[in-house]
Amino acid sequence: MKTDETNPQDWFDSGRERLHVSDLAFAAHGHAGMTTMELLQEAAERYLKGWLISQGWSLVRTHDLSRLIHEAELLDVRFATYAEYADDLTQAFLQSHYPGGDPDLVGRDYQDLRHTTTKLVELMRETLPEFQV
């Protein structure tokens, strides 16, 4: 079945899949490599886009979690607590995604970022009981 970029559930499903694969990669390697960090960031990005779209937001094609958190914060002030997390995970993504970063530094804070991702998803679940977040 074809997905729809205006359907929040499609974004949540995509985020859930990436989060799961990120967890599998971390468990398999015993540490977070560049791909693991990319998957974690992409999961958060998709969850945020799904939440924003559910609130009537028009899709903006960006990887910048800080921008997405800011957009969410305008609709629900509780998202403001995730600003530093968004900055950190976006930087980890950029270090992982584009050559020029230091692979030895990428992923050192994976467990903290992963834990915060869980809290972010729980906030979305709380605000959207009609979706499978």
Foldseek 3Di string as FASTA:
>chain_A
DDDDLLALQVLQVQLVVLLVVLVVVCVVVVFHFLSSLLSNLSSLVSNLSSLLSVVVDDDDDDSQQLVSLVSVCVVPVVSVVCNVLSVVSSVLNVLSVDPDHDRVPRGPCVVVSSVVSVVVVVVSCVVCVVHDD
